[in-house]
């Protein structure tokens, strides 16, 4: 079952807050819904995607954990893309949202 860690990477919460209260509500509601539905990894990837973020060498360092994108459309019609690391076991560490 997929779980989310939204506190390890401080950039996630600050990027989410920058998008405003509607985004905060929609993103947290979706992440909680994914956890409530107890999605297995394959189901999560099929529904939300999981694509590697390609960074130039100036934006990262050797041995850095790779980042991946997944996305969803909130009830308002806004598409949210979340950059994340993992999975570590069943935990996805959310890094930033746009």
C-alpha atoms as a PDB file:
ATOM      1  CA  UNK A   1       0.000   0.000   0.000  1.00  0.00           C
ATOM      2  CA  UNK A   2       1.311   3.415  -0.981  1.00  0.00           C
ATOM      3  CA  UNK A   3       1.911   5.897   1.845  1.00  0.00           C
ATOM      4  CA  UNK A   4       3.196   9.470   1.688  1.00  0.00           C
ATOM      5  CA  UNK A   5       5.763  11.323   3.773  1.00  0.00           C
ATOM      6  CA  UNK A   6       5.085  15.043   3.322  1.00  0.00           C
ATOM      7  CA  UNK A   7       7.270  16.311   6.152  1.00  0.00           C
ATOM      8  CA  UNK A   8      10.775  15.005   5.374  1.00  0.00           C
ATOM      9  CA  UNK A   9      11.360  17.428   2.495  1.00  0.00           C
ATOM     10  CA  UNK A  10      10.542  20.962   3.711  1.00  0.00           C
ATOM     11  CA  UNK A  11      10.216  22.176   0.124  1.00  0.00           C
ATOM     12  CA  UNK A  12       7.034  20.176  -0.332  1.00  0.00           C
ATOM     13  CA  UNK A  13       4.976  21.985   2.296  1.00  0.00           C
ATOM     14  CA  UNK A  14       6.331  25.417   1.362  1.00  0.00           C
ATOM     15  CA  UNK A  15       5.680  24.835  -2.365  1.00  0.00           C
ATOM     16  CA  UNK A  16       2.165  23.659  -1.541  1.00  0.00           C
ATOM     17  CA  UNK A  17       1.463  26.689   0.661  1.00  0.00           C
ATOM     18  CA  UNK A  18       2.696  28.948  -2.159  1.00  0.00           C
ATOM     19  CA  UNK A  19      -0.126  27.556  -4.338  1.00  0.00           C
ATOM     20  CA  UNK A  20      -2.791  28.675  -1.846  1.00  0.00           C
ATOM     21  CA  UNK A  21      -5.410  27.159   0.424  1.00  0.00           C
ATOM     22  CA  UNK A  22      -7.414  25.491  -2.359  1.00  0.00           C
ATOM     23  CA  UNK A  23      -4.312  23.617  -3.494  1.00  0.00           C
ATOM     24  CA  UNK A  24      -3.453  22.619   0.078  1.00  0.00           C
ATOM     25  CA  UNK A  25      -6.904  21.108   0.507  1.00  0.00           C
ATOM     26  CA  UNK A  26      -7.006  19.372  -2.877  1.00  0.00           C
ATOM     27  CA  UNK A  27      -3.518  17.890  -2.624  1.00  0.00           C
ATOM     28  CA  UNK A  28      -3.910  16.634   0.939  1.00  0.00           C
ATOM     29  CA  UNK A  29      -7.360  15.240   0.149  1.00  0.00           C
ATOM     30  CA  UNK A  30      -5.975  13.308  -2.839  1.00  0.00           C
ATOM     31  CA  UNK A  31      -2.964  11.941  -0.936  1.00  0.00           C
ATOM     32  CA  UNK A  32      -5.220  10.845   1.919  1.00  0.00           C
ATOM     33  CA  UNK A  33      -7.647   9.267  -0.558  1.00  0.00           C
ATOM     34  CA  UNK A  34      -4.822   7.273  -2.160  1.00  0.00           C
ATOM     35  CA  UNK A  35      -3.810   5.974   1.267  1.00  0.00           C
ATOM     36  CA  UNK A  36      -7.440   5.185   2.215  1.00  0.00           C
ATOM     37  CA  UNK A  37      -7.904   3.181  -0.996  1.00  0.00           C
ATOM     38  CA  UNK A  38      -4.827   1.086  -0.059  1.00  0.00           C
ATOM     39  CA  UNK A  39      -3.423   1.233  -3.587  1.00  0.00           C
ATOM     40  CA  UNK A  40      -0.663  -1.205  -4.393  1.00  0.00           C
ATOM     41  CA  UNK A  41       2.381   0.243  -6.173  1.00  0.00           C
ATOM     42  CA  UNK A  42       1.335  -0.965  -9.643  1.00  0.00           C
ATOM     43  CA  UNK A  43      -2.151   0.478  -9.224  1.00  0.00           C
ATOM     44  CA  UNK A  44      -0.721   3.820  -8.101  1.00  0.00           C
ATOM     45  CA  UNK A  45       1.659   4.018 -11.081  1.00  0.00           C
ATOM     46  CA  UNK A  46      -1.097   3.050 -13.536  1.00  0.00           C
ATOM     47  CA  UNK A  47      -3.425   5.738 -12.211  1.00  0.00           C
ATOM     48  CA  UNK A  48      -1.028   8.599 -11.377  1.00  0.00           C
ATOM     49  CA  UNK A  49       2.134   7.906 -13.394  1.00  0.00           C
ATOM     50  CA  UNK A  50       5.719   7.765 -12.144  1.00  0.00           C
ATOM     51  CA  UNK A  51       8.214   9.405 -14.519  1.00  0.00           C
ATOM     52  CA  UNK A  52      11.847  10.166 -13.767  1.00  0.00           C
ATOM     53  CA  UNK A  53      12.737  13.856 -13.460  1.00  0.00           C
ATOM     54  CA  UNK A  54      15.878  14.549 -15.456  1.00  0.00           C
ATOM     55  CA  UNK A  55      18.144  17.089 -13.750  1.00  0.00           C
ATOM     56  CA  UNK A  56      21.354  18.551 -15.092  1.00  0.00           C
ATOM     57  CA  UNK A  57      24.470  17.838 -13.064  1.00  0.00           C
ATOM     58  CA  UNK A  58      24.457  21.369 -11.615  1.00  0.00           C
ATOM     59  CA  UNK A  59      21.120  20.668  -9.899  1.00  0.00           C
ATOM     60  CA  UNK A  60      22.153  17.487  -8.124  1.00  0.00           C
ATOM     61  CA  UNK A  61      25.134  15.570  -6.831  1.00  0.00           C
ATOM     62  CA  UNK A  62      26.558  12.069  -7.337  1.00  0.00           C
ATOM     63  CA  UNK A  63      24.589   9.530  -5.338  1.00  0.00           C
ATOM     64  CA  UNK A  64      21.535  11.772  -4.907  1.00  0.00           C
ATOM     65  CA  UNK A  65      18.198  10.019  -4.773  1.00  0.00           C
ATOM     66  CA  UNK A  66      16.459  10.398  -8.134  1.00  0.00           C
ATOM     67  CA  UNK A  67      13.218  12.371  -8.310  1.00  0.00           C
ATOM     68  CA  UNK A  68      10.036  11.216 -10.049  1.00  0.00           C
ATOM     69  CA  UNK A  69       6.806  12.991 -11.031  1.00  0.00           C
ATOM     70  CA  UNK A  70       3.262  11.845 -10.496  1.00  0.00           C
ATOM     71  CA  UNK A  71       0.167  13.906 -11.235  1.00  0.00           C
ATOM     72  CA  UNK A  72      -3.563  14.218 -10.736  1.00  0.00           C
ATOM     73  CA  UNK A  73      -6.387  16.632 -11.482  1.00  0.00           C
ATOM     74  CA  UNK A  74      -8.093  18.109  -8.426  1.00  0.00           C
ATOM     75  CA  UNK A  75     -11.857  18.741  -8.131  1.00  0.00           C
ATOM     76  CA  UNK A  76     -11.287  22.366  -9.246  1.00  0.00           C
ATOM     77  CA  UNK A  77      -9.821  21.134 -12.547  1.00  0.00           C
ATOM     78  CA  UNK A  78      -6.271  22.099 -11.545  1.00  0.00           C
ATOM     79  CA  UNK A  79      -3.545  19.627 -12.493  1.00  0.00           C
ATOM     80  CA  UNK A  80      -1.002  19.061  -9.728  1.00  0.00           C
ATOM     81  CA  UNK A  81       2.410  17.548 -10.404  1.00  0.00           C
ATOM     82  CA  UNK A  82       4.301  16.248  -7.404  1.00  0.00           C
ATOM     83  CA  UNK A  83       8.020  15.519  -7.476  1.00  0.00           C
ATOM     84  CA  UNK A  84       8.896  12.725  -5.084  1.00  0.00           C
ATOM     85  CA  UNK A  85      11.550  10.210  -4.099  1.00  0.00           C
ATOM     86  CA  UNK A  86      11.178   6.520  -3.482  1.00  0.00           C
ATOM     87  CA  UNK A  87       9.393   4.402  -2.959  1.00  0.00           C
ATOM     88  CA  UNK A  88      11.168   3.403   0.222  1.00  0.00           C
ATOM     89  CA  UNK A  89       9.303   0.234   1.004  1.00  0.00           C
ATOM     90  CA  UNK A  90       5.808   1.561   0.410  1.00  0.00           C
ATOM     91  CA  UNK A  91       6.572   5.193   1.357  1.00  0.00           C
ATOM     92  CA  UNK A  92       6.835   7.975  -1.216  1.00  0.00           C
ATOM     93  CA  UNK A  93       8.675  11.090   0.051  1.00  0.00           C
ATOM     94  CA  UNK A  94       7.032  14.165  -1.514  1.00  0.00           C
ATOM     95  CA  UNK A  95       9.561  16.856  -2.462  1.00  0.00           C
ATOM     96  CA  UNK A  96       7.735  19.659  -4.285  1.00  0.00           C
ATOM     97  CA  UNK A  97       4.342  20.339  -5.898  1.00  0.00           C
ATOM     98  CA  UNK A  98       3.576  22.526  -8.925  1.00  0.00           C
END
